[in-house]
Amino acid sequence: MVCAAVFAALFLLSAVPAVNADDVTLRSRDGAIELNGTMLGFDGEFYRVDTIYGELTVDGSGVTCEGPGCPNLIDFVAELTISGAATMGNLLVPALIEAFALLQGLEARREDKGENAFEYVLSDRGDGKEKGRFRFSLTNTDEAFADLLADEADMAMALREVRPEEARLARDAGLGDLTGRARSRVLALDALVAVVAPGNPVDSISIVELSQVFAGEITNWQALGGPDAPISLHLRDSASGTGQAVEDRIMAPAGLALSPSATRHSSDNALARAVAMDPFALGIASKSATGNTQALVLKGGCGFPLAATRRTVKTEDYPLTAPMFLYLPTRRLPKLAREFLSYTRSPQAQMVIRRAGFIDQAPEEITVDAQGNRLANAIAAAEPEDGLAKLQDMLKKIRDMKRLSTSFRFEAGSVKLDAQSRSNIQLLARALESGRYDGRKILFVGFSDGAGSAESNLAISKRRAEAVEKAVRTAAETANFDRLTMGYTGFGEAMPMACDDSAWGRQVNRRVEVWLR
């Protein structure tokens, strides 16, 4: 209690990059109070000290530091260790670091440190002084979370969400709730796509068929409209985020297990090369790493085609969208690292993400005229009388509006928004705070699947739209809502994106869209 009264900015259980673990004395500027302990870390602004009161973080501006463990305040170098998915670490994150350094007037020099390890040294372009070191360890998603738990990484690059057991271990280790809003962010978007060799006559497949093929229940191309030949299966290794996403997103909803006959690959490029050279191969790859293969369109029993385009992935209309995550423990990072994280959400960063071959999250406005396929599918699925009337009513309300590419979807069997949608809440909230949509009307429009009665589906779609609208209002703390109009409505099952004949299709149809006037 004494320390809390003297040092106004103390935070329990925080962590910063380690320095020499030596004894120090932190003394208030007037010399009246001192705090003794072992220096655990310094982030350029705050000290982390192990004291008789426990592990404390102290604002450096209010104290002086004495002892062998005190850091060099003048030549402080921010250090950050990033571990995880090579899909992100090979190109995406380095491209963002290089662009960030350029914007900050820093030089970014890459130094290789052995196989799958390197670091970026950021130095002042004027005097050459080092400002930061960003260290990379390229492994896989499993290793990324293990490194966080072992306090061997400050950020984890992951191609899937943290799993319950990993989140529990992180809480037990004092790293905070990794499922919380501030503990992860979607850096960019990718997608899982089924790929075949060029020249394969099969150009589409349903998710149900895809799960049956990789479970070993469908073994011949003839069952998919192809030649009479056995299907050879190709997947990423089981420790990779991509490989695990196949199990979580494709196999688990179908209640099926992966066939042991699938050939596993240690990299995206290796998988793409193997599939491209085998005329009877079928693989599941990241959209960003399809190489010379041919991507198949997803289809349903009702005939709705869903191709993995930049727009359908960004809006999550494509059902196998794969967000790329950065996970952050409850740890105060150096100022340079915090500035880098802030940069990753900027418009400049979205351009870098797009140039690197991934899908950015910059919001786009889509006119009704540009949504012909969606309208055609909706008309085809509408009931002869009542369904068409509802569709006409919907079009009257939105025909002079534009759809924002930012959409919101929910976890299977839950009212909780999925990971990409939780990130979208923050992105839209920041846009509102910046005044981007001042003077405009924003309408949150809910849709449902076709299961249940039309009346209940309409009510559910409105409740979902209302929930998202409230979440955005809450997140946009500094927005001036007097300068714009926000509302919500629901149209039930009026505009299906996919067939309702599978769990995947129903999941795609349950959504909240954002429309602008």
Protein backbone atom coordinates (compact mmCIF):
# COMPACT_ATOMS: atom_id res chain seq x y z
CA MET A 1 0.00 0.00 0.00
CA VAL A 2 2.94 2.32 0.74
CA CYS A 3 4.42 1.78 -2.72
CA ALA A 4 1.06 2.33 -4.35
CA ALA A 5 0.79 5.70 -2.68
CA VAL A 6 4.27 6.80 -3.72
CA PHE A 7 4.51 5.47 -7.26
CA ALA A 8 1.33 6.38 -9.08
CA ALA A 9 1.92 4.09 -12.05
CA LEU A 10 2.45 0.60 -10.65
CA PHE A 11 1.00 -2.35 -12.51
CA LEU A 12 1.14 -5.88 -11.13
CA LEU A 13 2.10 -8.87 -13.23
CA SER A 14 3.34 -6.95 -16.24
CA ALA A 15 6.46 -7.91 -18.16
CA VAL A 16 9.01 -6.20 -20.36
CA PRO A 17 12.17 -7.33 -22.17
CA ALA A 18 14.73 -8.69 -19.74
CA VAL A 19 18.00 -7.02 -18.73
CA ASN A 20 20.65 -8.20 -16.25
CA ALA A 21 18.92 -9.51 -13.13
CA ASP A 22 20.78 -7.37 -10.54
CA ASP A 23 19.80 -5.46 -7.44
CA VAL A 24 18.63 -1.89 -7.88
CA THR A 25 17.20 0.93 -5.82
CA LEU A 26 14.46 3.10 -7.28
CA ARG A 27 14.27 6.41 -5.44
CA SER A 28 11.60 9.09 -5.75
CA ARG A 29 12.81 12.42 -7.17
CA ASP A 30 12.66 14.12 -3.76
CA GLY A 31 14.64 11.30 -2.17
CA ALA A 32 11.98 10.63 0.43
CA ILE A 33 10.98 7.11 -0.63
CA GLU A 34 13.00 4.25 -2.08
CA LEU A 35 12.12 0.82 -3.43
CA ASN A 36 14.68 -2.02 -3.41
CA GLY A 37 14.54 -5.10 -5.58
CA THR A 38 15.88 -7.06 -8.51
CA MET A 39 15.68 -5.47 -11.94
CA LEU A 40 13.74 -7.72 -14.28
CA GLY A 41 13.25 -5.46 -17.27
CA PHE A 42 13.04 -1.99 -18.77
CA ASP A 43 11.05 -0.90 -21.84
CA GLY A 44 12.50 2.57 -22.25
CA GLU A 45 9.86 4.14 -20.01
CA PHE A 46 8.96 1.71 -17.23
CA TYR A 47 11.04 -0.47 -14.90
CA ARG A 48 9.94 -3.97 -13.91
CA VAL A 49 11.26 -4.89 -10.49
CA ASP A 50 10.90 -7.94 -8.22
CA THR A 51 10.34 -6.54 -4.71
CA ILE A 52 9.10 -7.69 -1.32
CA TYR A 53 5.70 -6.45 -2.51
CA GLY A 54 5.81 -8.71 -5.55
CA GLU A 55 6.55 -7.95 -9.19
CA LEU A 56 5.96 -4.23 -9.86
CA THR A 57 6.20 -1.93 -12.85
CA VAL A 58 7.27 1.63 -12.07
CA ASP A 59 7.10 4.73 -14.26
CA GLY A 60 10.73 5.74 -14.85
CA SER A 61 9.89 9.43 -15.07
CA GLY A 62 9.13 9.55 -11.34
CA VAL A 63 12.22 7.82 -9.99
CA THR A 64 15.98 7.54 -10.28
CA CYS A 65 17.68 4.17 -10.60
CA GLU A 66 20.83 3.20 -8.69
CA GLY A 67 22.72 -0.09 -8.76
CA PRO A 68 24.41 -2.53 -11.17
CA GLY A 69 21.12 -3.59 -12.75
CA CYS A 70 20.14 -0.11 -13.93
CA PRO A 71 19.82 0.13 -17.74
CA ASN A 72 21.44 2.72 -19.99
CA LEU A 73 18.74 5.36 -20.42
CA ILE A 74 20.59 7.30 -23.10
CA ASP A 75 21.33 4.48 -25.54
CA PHE A 76 18.27 2.32 -24.86
CA VAL A 77 17.49 -0.16 -27.66
CA ALA A 78 13.94 -1.54 -27.89
CA GLU A 79 13.95 -5.32 -28.26
CA LEU A 80 11.11 -7.50 -29.47
CA THR A 81 10.98 -11.25 -30.12
CA ILE A 82 8.38 -12.52 -32.59
CA SER A 83 7.75 -16.26 -32.97
CA GLY A 84 5.45 -18.40 -35.02
CA ALA A 85 3.98 -19.13 -38.43
CA ALA A 86 6.50 -18.98 -41.26
CA THR A 87 3.67 -18.03 -43.63
CA MET A 88 3.56 -14.69 -41.85
CA GLY A 89 7.21 -14.39 -40.86
CA ASN A 90 8.75 -15.03 -44.26
CA LEU A 91 7.19 -12.05 -45.99
CA LEU A 92 4.23 -10.30 -44.37
CA VAL A 93 5.63 -9.08 -41.04
CA PRO A 94 9.09 -8.24 -42.45
CA ALA A 95 7.44 -6.16 -45.20
CA LEU A 96 5.50 -4.25 -42.54
CA ILE A 97 8.64 -3.67 -40.45
CA GLU A 98 10.57 -2.32 -43.43
CA ALA A 99 7.74 0.03 -44.38
CA PHE A 100 7.31 1.14 -40.75
CA ALA A 101 11.02 1.90 -40.46
CA LEU A 102 10.95 3.98 -43.63
CA LEU A 103 8.01 5.99 -42.30
CA GLN A 104 9.85 6.58 -39.01
CA GLY A 105 13.04 7.75 -40.70
CA LEU A 106 14.87 4.59 -39.63
CA GLU A 107 17.03 2.17 -41.55
CA ALA A 108 15.99 -1.49 -41.30
CA ARG A 109 18.87 -3.94 -41.72
CA ARG A 110 18.17 -7.67 -41.80
CA GLU A 111 20.69 -10.02 -40.17
CA ASP A 112 20.34 -13.79 -40.59
CA LYS A 113 20.90 -15.76 -37.38
CA GLY A 114 20.79 -19.30 -38.70
CA GLU A 115 18.04 -21.52 -40.06
CA ASN A 116 14.58 -19.96 -39.56
CA ALA A 117 15.98 -17.17 -37.41
CA PHE A 118 16.82 -13.56 -38.25
CA GLU A 119 16.47 -10.08 -36.84
CA TYR A 120 15.85 -6.57 -38.06
CA VAL A 121 18.10 -3.87 -36.65
CA LEU A 122 16.41 -0.45 -36.80
CA SER A 123 18.82 2.48 -36.73
CA ASP A 124 18.52 6.24 -36.97
CA ARG A 125 19.26 7.35 -40.55
CA GLY A 126 21.01 10.47 -39.22
CA ASP A 127 23.48 9.33 -36.57
CA GLY A 128 23.27 5.55 -37.08
CA LYS A 129 22.28 4.84 -33.47
CA GLU A 130 20.36 1.62 -32.93
CA LYS A 131 16.75 2.16 -31.89
CA GLY A 132 15.39 -1.35 -31.94
CA ARG A 133 15.95 -5.03 -32.65
CA PHE A 134 13.06 -7.18 -33.86
CA ARG A 135 14.03 -10.87 -33.56
CA PHE A 136 12.21 -13.59 -35.51
CA SER A 137 11.91 -17.31 -34.87
CA LEU A 138 10.02 -18.98 -37.72
CA THR A 139 8.36 -22.20 -36.56
CA ASN A 140 4.62 -22.87 -36.56
CA THR A 141 1.51 -21.85 -34.68
CA ASP A 142 1.92 -24.48 -31.95
CA GLU A 143 5.47 -23.32 -31.23
CA ALA A 144 4.35 -19.68 -31.24
CA PHE A 145 2.00 -20.22 -28.30
CA ALA A 146 4.58 -22.43 -26.54
CA ASP A 147 7.15 -19.62 -26.81
CA LEU A 148 4.68 -17.14 -25.32
CA LEU A 149 4.04 -19.47 -22.39
CA ALA A 150 7.78 -19.93 -21.85
CA ASP A 151 8.34 -16.15 -21.88
CA GLU A 152 10.58 -16.60 -24.94
CA ALA A 153 8.51 -14.39 -27.25
CA ASP A 154 6.74 -11.04 -27.02
CA MET A 155 4.39 -11.74 -29.96
CA ALA A 156 3.05 -14.89 -31.56
CA MET A 157 2.25 -15.18 -35.26
CA ALA A 158 -0.65 -17.63 -35.56
CA LEU A 159 -2.82 -18.97 -38.37
CA ARG A 160 -5.59 -20.03 -36.00
CA GLU A 161 -7.21 -18.80 -32.80
CA VAL A 162 -5.71 -19.71 -29.45
CA ARG A 163 -7.18 -22.95 -28.15
CA PRO A 164 -8.89 -23.23 -24.74
CA GLU A 165 -6.07 -25.20 -23.15
CA GLU A 166 -3.46 -22.73 -24.42
CA ALA A 167 -5.52 -19.83 -23.10
CA ARG A 168 -5.83 -21.52 -19.70
CA LEU A 169 -2.08 -22.11 -19.47
CA ALA A 170 -1.46 -18.49 -20.45
CA ARG A 171 -3.73 -17.24 -17.66
CA ASP A 172 -2.00 -19.53 -15.17
CA ALA A 173 1.38 -18.16 -16.29
CA GLY A 174 0.27 -14.58 -15.68
CA LEU A 175 0.06 -13.66 -19.36
CA GLY A 176 -3.55 -12.49 -19.19
CA ASP A 177 -6.56 -13.69 -21.16
CA LEU A 178 -5.37 -14.36 -24.70
CA THR A 179 -9.00 -14.57 -25.83
CA GLY A 180 -9.56 -10.97 -24.72
CA ARG A 181 -10.07 -8.09 -27.13
CA ALA A 182 -6.69 -6.46 -26.53
CA ARG A 183 -4.65 -9.65 -26.59
CA SER A 184 -4.89 -10.41 -30.30
CA ARG A 185 -5.38 -8.64 -33.57
CA VAL A 186 -6.00 -9.79 -37.12
CA LEU A 187 -3.00 -8.59 -39.10
CA ALA A 188 -4.19 -9.68 -42.54
CA LEU A 189 -6.55 -12.14 -44.20
CA ASP A 190 -6.00 -15.33 -46.15
CA ALA A 191 -8.21 -18.27 -47.05
CA LEU A 192 -8.15 -22.04 -47.30
CA VAL A 193 -8.64 -23.18 -50.88
CA ALA A 194 -8.87 -26.59 -52.51
CA VAL A 195 -6.21 -26.85 -55.23
CA VAL A 196 -5.56 -29.22 -58.10
CA ALA A 197 -3.02 -29.48 -60.91
CA PRO A 198 -3.48 -27.30 -64.01
CA GLY A 199 -5.63 -29.07 -66.58
CA ASN A 200 -7.71 -31.02 -64.06
CA PRO A 201 -11.27 -30.96 -65.49
CA VAL A 202 -12.86 -30.57 -62.03
CA ASP A 203 -13.35 -26.86 -61.31
CA SER A 204 -15.59 -26.92 -58.21
CA ILE A 205 -16.24 -28.93 -55.08
CA SER A 206 -18.59 -28.64 -52.10
CA ILE A 207 -17.25 -28.44 -48.55
CA VAL A 208 -19.14 -31.64 -47.77
CA GLU A 209 -17.34 -33.40 -50.62
CA LEU A 210 -14.04 -31.88 -49.54
CA SER A 211 -14.41 -33.27 -46.03
CA GLN A 212 -15.39 -36.69 -47.40
CA VAL A 213 -12.38 -36.76 -49.73
CA PHE A 214 -9.92 -35.95 -46.95
CA ALA A 215 -11.61 -38.48 -44.66
CA GLY A 216 -11.03 -41.18 -47.26
CA GLU A 217 -14.73 -41.69 -48.01
CA ILE A 218 -14.37 -40.43 -51.59
CA THR A 219 -11.25 -41.84 -53.23
CA ASN A 220 -11.81 -41.51 -56.98
CA TRP A 221 -12.04 -38.39 -59.15
CA GLN A 222 -14.98 -39.93 -60.97
CA ALA A 223 -17.20 -39.22 -57.94
CA LEU A 224 -16.42 -35.50 -58.40
CA GLY A 225 -17.04 -35.43 -62.15
CA GLY A 226 -13.43 -36.09 -63.08
CA PRO A 227 -11.52 -39.00 -64.65
CA ASP A 228 -11.50 -42.56 -63.35
CA ALA A 229 -8.36 -42.15 -61.25
CA PRO A 230 -7.50 -42.30 -57.54
CA ILE A 231 -7.25 -39.03 -55.64
CA SER A 232 -3.91 -38.31 -53.98
CA LEU A 233 -4.23 -36.07 -50.92
CA HIS A 234 -1.87 -33.27 -49.85
CA LEU A 235 -1.93 -31.23 -46.63
CA ARG A 236 0.34 -29.05 -44.51
CA ASP A 237 1.98 -30.66 -41.48
CA SER A 238 -0.20 -31.19 -38.41
CA ALA A 239 1.67 -28.62 -36.27
CA SER A 240 1.07 -25.79 -38.76
CA GLY A 241 -1.80 -23.38 -38.39
CA THR A 242 -2.98 -24.20 -41.92
CA GLY A 243 -3.01 -27.93 -41.19
CA GLN A 244 -4.88 -27.40 -37.94
CA ALA A 245 -7.37 -25.05 -39.63
CA VAL A 246 -8.29 -27.87 -42.03
CA GLU A 247 -9.18 -30.05 -39.05
CA ASP A 248 -11.03 -27.28 -37.21
CA ARG A 249 -12.85 -25.65 -40.13
CA ILE A 250 -13.51 -28.54 -42.55
CA MET A 251 -13.28 -31.89 -40.80
CA ALA A 252 -14.63 -31.20 -37.29
CA PRO A 253 -17.99 -29.71 -38.42
CA ALA A 254 -18.55 -32.84 -40.50
CA GLY A 255 -17.62 -35.14 -37.62
CA LEU A 256 -14.87 -36.71 -39.72
CA ALA A 257 -11.19 -37.46 -39.14
CA LEU A 258 -8.40 -36.88 -41.63
CA SER A 259 -7.25 -39.85 -43.65
CA PRO A 260 -3.73 -41.02 -42.70
CA SER A 261 -2.96 -41.45 -46.40
CA ALA A 262 -2.55 -37.70 -46.98
CA THR A 263 0.96 -36.55 -47.82
CA ARG A 264 2.11 -33.88 -45.38
CA HIS A 265 4.30 -30.92 -46.33
CA SER A 266 6.48 -28.69 -44.18
CA SER A 267 5.77 -25.52 -46.18
CA ASP A 268 3.09 -23.94 -48.35
CA ASN A 269 5.41 -23.81 -51.34
CA ALA A 270 6.27 -27.50 -51.05
CA LEU A 271 2.58 -28.40 -51.03
CA ALA A 272 1.81 -26.24 -54.06
CA ARG A 273 4.73 -27.72 -56.04
CA ALA A 274 3.67 -31.30 -55.26
CA VAL A 275 0.05 -30.70 -56.28
CA ALA A 276 1.02 -28.86 -59.47
CA MET A 277 3.13 -31.83 -60.62
CA ASP A 278 0.53 -34.53 -59.89
CA PRO A 279 -2.47 -34.57 -62.29
CA PHE A 280 -4.54 -36.54 -59.75
CA ALA A 281 -3.65 -34.53 -56.64
CA LEU A 282 -6.03 -32.59 -54.42
CA GLY A 283 -4.63 -30.32 -51.75
CA ILE A 284 -5.79 -27.66 -49.31
CA ALA A 285 -3.56 -24.62 -49.35
CA SER A 286 -3.46 -20.98 -48.33
CA LYS A 287 -4.80 -18.67 -51.01
CA SER A 288 -1.60 -16.64 -50.77
CA ALA A 289 0.53 -19.68 -51.63
CA THR A 290 -1.25 -21.58 -54.40
CA GLY A 291 1.72 -21.34 -56.79
CA ASN A 292 1.00 -22.92 -60.17
CA THR A 293 -2.00 -24.89 -58.93
CA GLN A 294 -5.62 -24.32 -59.91
CA ALA A 295 -8.00 -23.25 -57.13
CA LEU A 296 -11.45 -24.86 -57.05
CA VAL A 297 -14.65 -22.90 -56.50
CA LEU A 298 -16.73 -23.98 -53.51
CA LYS A 299 -20.29 -24.96 -54.35
CA GLY A 300 -23.38 -26.21 -52.54
CA GLY A 301 -26.24 -28.52 -53.38
CA CYS A 302 -28.36 -25.53 -54.41
CA GLY A 303 -25.70 -24.43 -56.89
CA PHE A 304 -24.36 -21.29 -55.19
CA PRO A 305 -20.73 -20.83 -56.29
CA LEU A 306 -18.25 -19.21 -53.89
CA ALA A 307 -14.79 -18.38 -55.22
CA ALA A 308 -12.02 -17.14 -52.94
CA THR A 309 -11.58 -13.63 -54.34
CA ARG A 310 -10.11 -10.67 -52.51
CA ARG A 311 -13.59 -9.23 -51.99
CA THR A 312 -15.32 -12.44 -50.84
CA VAL A 313 -12.51 -13.15 -48.37
CA LYS A 314 -12.52 -9.61 -47.00
CA THR A 315 -16.31 -9.68 -46.48
CA GLU A 316 -16.15 -13.28 -45.15
CA ASP A 317 -18.68 -14.30 -47.79
CA TYR A 318 -16.19 -17.06 -48.65
CA PRO A 319 -16.72 -19.62 -45.85
CA LEU A 320 -13.07 -20.64 -45.38
CA THR A 321 -11.60 -17.22 -44.70
CA ALA A 322 -8.43 -17.59 -42.59
CA PRO A 323 -7.39 -14.60 -40.46
CA MET A 324 -3.70 -14.18 -39.67
CA PHE A 325 -3.21 -13.28 -36.00
CA LEU A 326 -0.71 -11.52 -33.81
CA TYR A 327 -1.14 -12.58 -30.17
CA LEU A 328 0.18 -10.36 -27.38
CA PRO A 329 0.46 -11.30 -23.69
CA THR A 330 -0.36 -8.82 -20.94
CA ARG A 331 2.98 -7.13 -21.23
CA ARG A 332 4.04 -3.53 -21.65
CA LEU A 333 6.05 -3.45 -24.87
CA PRO A 334 8.72 -0.84 -25.68
CA LYS A 335 7.42 2.35 -27.25
CA LEU A 336 8.89 1.47 -30.67
CA ALA A 337 7.04 -1.86 -30.63
CA ARG A 338 3.78 -0.16 -29.64
CA GLU A 339 4.22 2.31 -32.48
CA PHE A 340 4.76 -0.59 -34.88
CA LEU A 341 1.54 -2.27 -33.71
CA SER A 342 -0.36 0.97 -34.19
CA TYR A 343 1.12 1.29 -37.68
CA THR A 344 -0.17 -2.18 -38.70
CA ARG A 345 -3.74 -0.83 -38.64
CA SER A 346 -2.97 2.28 -40.68
CA PRO A 347 -4.01 2.82 -44.33
CA GLN A 348 -0.34 2.74 -45.31
CA ALA A 349 0.06 -0.70 -43.75
CA GLN A 350 -2.99 -2.03 -45.60
CA MET A 351 -1.31 -1.12 -48.88
CA VAL A 352 1.84 -3.00 -47.82
CA ILE A 353 -0.24 -6.06 -46.87
CA ARG A 354 -1.91 -6.03 -50.27
CA ARG A 355 1.40 -5.67 -52.15
CA ALA A 356 2.80 -8.60 -50.17
CA GLY A 357 0.12 -10.86 -51.68
CA PHE A 358 -2.25 -11.01 -48.71
CA ILE A 359 -5.71 -9.53 -48.23
CA ASP A 360 -5.87 -6.26 -46.35
CA GLN A 361 -8.66 -5.02 -44.10
CA ALA A 362 -9.06 -1.52 -45.55
CA PRO A 363 -12.84 -0.98 -45.83
CA GLU A 364 -14.27 -0.81 -49.34
CA GLU A 365 -17.68 0.39 -50.44
CA ILE A 366 -19.51 -1.94 -52.83
CA THR A 367 -22.43 -0.71 -54.90
CA VAL A 368 -25.57 -2.77 -55.37
CA ASP A 369 -24.78 -3.01 -59.09
CA ALA A 370 -21.51 -4.79 -58.26
CA GLN A 371 -23.32 -7.52 -56.33
CA GLY A 372 -25.04 -9.27 -59.21
CA ASN A 373 -24.08 -12.78 -58.12
CA ARG A 374 -25.47 -12.26 -54.64
CA LEU A 375 -28.74 -10.93 -56.00
CA ALA A 376 -29.00 -13.73 -58.55
CA ASN A 377 -28.50 -16.33 -55.80
CA ALA A 378 -31.07 -14.60 -53.61
CA ILE A 379 -33.66 -14.53 -56.40
CA ALA A 380 -33.02 -18.20 -57.21
CA ALA A 381 -33.49 -19.21 -53.55
CA ALA A 382 -36.51 -17.00 -52.82
CA GLU A 383 -39.92 -18.54 -52.27
CA PRO A 384 -42.22 -17.82 -55.23
CA GLU A 385 -44.39 -15.23 -53.48
CA ASP A 386 -43.49 -14.24 -49.93
CA GLY A 387 -39.74 -14.67 -50.47
CA LEU A 388 -39.65 -12.46 -53.53
CA ALA A 389 -41.74 -9.81 -51.78
CA LYS A 390 -39.25 -9.69 -48.89
CA LEU A 391 -36.37 -9.44 -51.33
CA GLN A 392 -38.05 -6.56 -53.13
CA ASP A 393 -38.66 -4.77 -49.83
CA MET A 394 -35.00 -5.17 -48.89
CA LEU A 395 -33.78 -3.82 -52.22
CA LYS A 396 -36.01 -0.76 -51.90
CA LYS A 397 -34.34 0.09 -48.61
CA ILE A 398 -30.73 -0.41 -49.69
CA ARG A 399 -30.71 0.29 -53.44
CA ASP A 400 -29.23 3.77 -53.00
CA MET A 401 -26.71 2.56 -50.41
CA LYS A 402 -23.32 0.88 -50.61
CA ARG A 403 -22.22 -2.21 -48.73
CA LEU A 404 -19.07 -1.87 -46.64
CA SER A 405 -16.64 -4.77 -46.97
CA THR A 406 -16.53 -4.96 -43.16
CA SER A 407 -18.91 -7.74 -42.11
CA PHE A 408 -19.66 -9.55 -38.87
CA ARG A 409 -20.22 -13.24 -38.31
CA PHE A 410 -20.68 -15.45 -35.27
CA GLU A 411 -18.96 -18.54 -33.94
CA ALA A 412 -20.77 -21.79 -34.65
CA GLY A 413 -23.61 -22.34 -32.17
CA SER A 414 -22.83 -19.09 -30.36
CA VAL A 415 -23.84 -15.45 -30.13
CA LYS A 416 -20.14 -14.54 -29.82
CA LEU A 417 -18.57 -12.83 -32.81
CA ASP A 418 -15.82 -14.79 -34.53
CA ALA A 419 -12.19 -13.64 -34.47
CA GLN A 420 -12.24 -11.65 -37.69
CA SER A 421 -15.46 -9.92 -36.66
CA ARG A 422 -14.06 -8.97 -33.25
CA SER A 423 -11.18 -7.33 -35.07
CA ASN A 424 -13.66 -5.63 -37.40
CA ILE A 425 -15.40 -4.05 -34.40
CA GLN A 426 -12.16 -2.28 -33.52
CA LEU A 427 -11.42 -1.29 -37.13
CA LEU A 428 -14.86 0.25 -37.63
CA ALA A 429 -14.73 1.94 -34.22
CA ARG A 430 -11.38 3.57 -35.05
CA ALA A 431 -12.80 4.77 -38.38
CA LEU A 432 -15.77 6.35 -36.59
CA GLU A 433 -13.46 8.05 -34.10
CA SER A 434 -11.39 9.50 -36.94
CA GLY A 435 -14.52 11.04 -38.50
CA ARG A 436 -14.28 8.97 -41.65
CA TYR A 437 -18.05 8.51 -41.90
CA ASP A 438 -19.17 11.90 -40.60
CA GLY A 439 -22.29 13.13 -42.39
CA ARG A 440 -23.32 9.64 -43.49
CA LYS A 441 -25.89 7.07 -42.46
CA ILE A 442 -24.61 3.69 -41.27
CA LEU A 443 -27.09 0.84 -41.25
CA PHE A 444 -26.27 -2.51 -39.63
CA VAL A 445 -28.24 -5.16 -41.53
CA GLY A 446 -28.76 -8.62 -40.06
CA PHE A 447 -29.38 -11.83 -42.00
CA SER A 448 -30.15 -15.38 -40.88
CA ASP A 449 -30.03 -18.87 -42.31
CA GLY A 450 -33.19 -20.54 -43.56
CA ALA A 451 -33.68 -22.90 -40.63
CA GLY A 452 -36.79 -22.14 -38.57
CA SER A 453 -39.77 -19.96 -39.31
CA ALA A 454 -39.54 -16.76 -41.29
CA GLU A 455 -40.78 -14.73 -38.31
CA SER A 456 -38.16 -16.10 -35.90
CA ASN A 457 -35.40 -15.68 -38.46
CA LEU A 458 -36.40 -12.04 -38.97
CA ALA A 459 -36.31 -11.43 -35.20
CA ILE A 460 -32.93 -13.15 -34.81
CA SER A 461 -31.41 -11.13 -37.65
CA LYS A 462 -32.56 -7.87 -36.05
CA ARG A 463 -31.18 -8.85 -32.63
CA ARG A 464 -27.79 -9.66 -34.15
CA ALA A 465 -27.69 -6.36 -36.00
CA GLU A 466 -28.60 -4.51 -32.80
CA ALA A 467 -25.87 -6.34 -30.85
CA VAL A 468 -23.19 -5.41 -33.40
CA GLU A 469 -24.35 -1.79 -33.53
CA LYS A 470 -24.09 -1.55 -29.73
CA ALA A 471 -20.66 -3.18 -29.74
CA VAL A 472 -19.36 -0.65 -32.27
CA ARG A 473 -20.82 2.27 -30.30
CA THR A 474 -19.16 1.00 -27.13
CA ALA A 475 -15.78 0.51 -28.81
CA ALA A 476 -15.82 3.94 -30.49
CA GLU A 477 -15.33 5.80 -27.21
CA THR A 478 -14.26 9.15 -28.68
CA ALA A 479 -16.52 9.20 -31.76
CA ASN A 480 -18.92 12.13 -32.17
CA PHE A 481 -22.20 10.37 -32.97
CA ASP A 482 -23.93 13.70 -33.51
CA ARG A 483 -22.09 13.91 -36.84
CA LEU A 484 -23.51 10.69 -38.29
CA THR A 485 -26.58 8.50 -38.18
CA MET A 486 -26.47 4.88 -37.05
CA GLY A 487 -29.23 2.33 -37.04
CA TYR A 488 -29.97 -1.36 -37.48
CA THR A 489 -32.49 -3.62 -39.15
CA GLY A 490 -32.88 -7.26 -40.19
CA PHE A 491 -34.06 -9.11 -43.27
CA GLY A 492 -34.00 -12.69 -41.99
CA GLU A 493 -33.24 -15.20 -44.73
CA ALA A 494 -33.82 -12.76 -47.61
CA MET A 495 -30.31 -12.88 -49.13
CA PRO A 496 -28.52 -16.22 -48.61
CA MET A 497 -24.83 -16.30 -49.48
CA ALA A 498 -24.60 -20.10 -49.54
CA CYS A 499 -26.80 -23.17 -49.47
CA ASP A 500 -28.56 -24.03 -46.23
CA ASP A 501 -27.95 -27.75 -46.83
CA SER A 502 -24.80 -27.83 -44.67
CA ALA A 503 -23.55 -26.38 -41.39
CA TRP A 504 -20.98 -24.38 -43.34
CA GLY A 505 -23.60 -22.82 -45.58
CA ARG A 506 -25.82 -21.88 -42.66
CA GLN A 507 -22.85 -20.36 -40.89
CA VAL A 508 -22.08 -18.12 -43.89
CA ASN A 509 -25.68 -16.97 -44.08
CA ARG A 510 -25.80 -15.86 -40.42
CA ARG A 511 -24.19 -12.44 -40.63
CA VAL A 512 -24.47 -8.69 -40.08
CA GLU A 513 -23.51 -6.40 -42.94
CA VAL A 514 -22.80 -2.67 -42.88
CA TRP A 515 -24.49 -0.42 -45.46
CA LEU A 516 -23.75 3.26 -46.06
CA ARG A 517 -25.61 6.19 -47.54
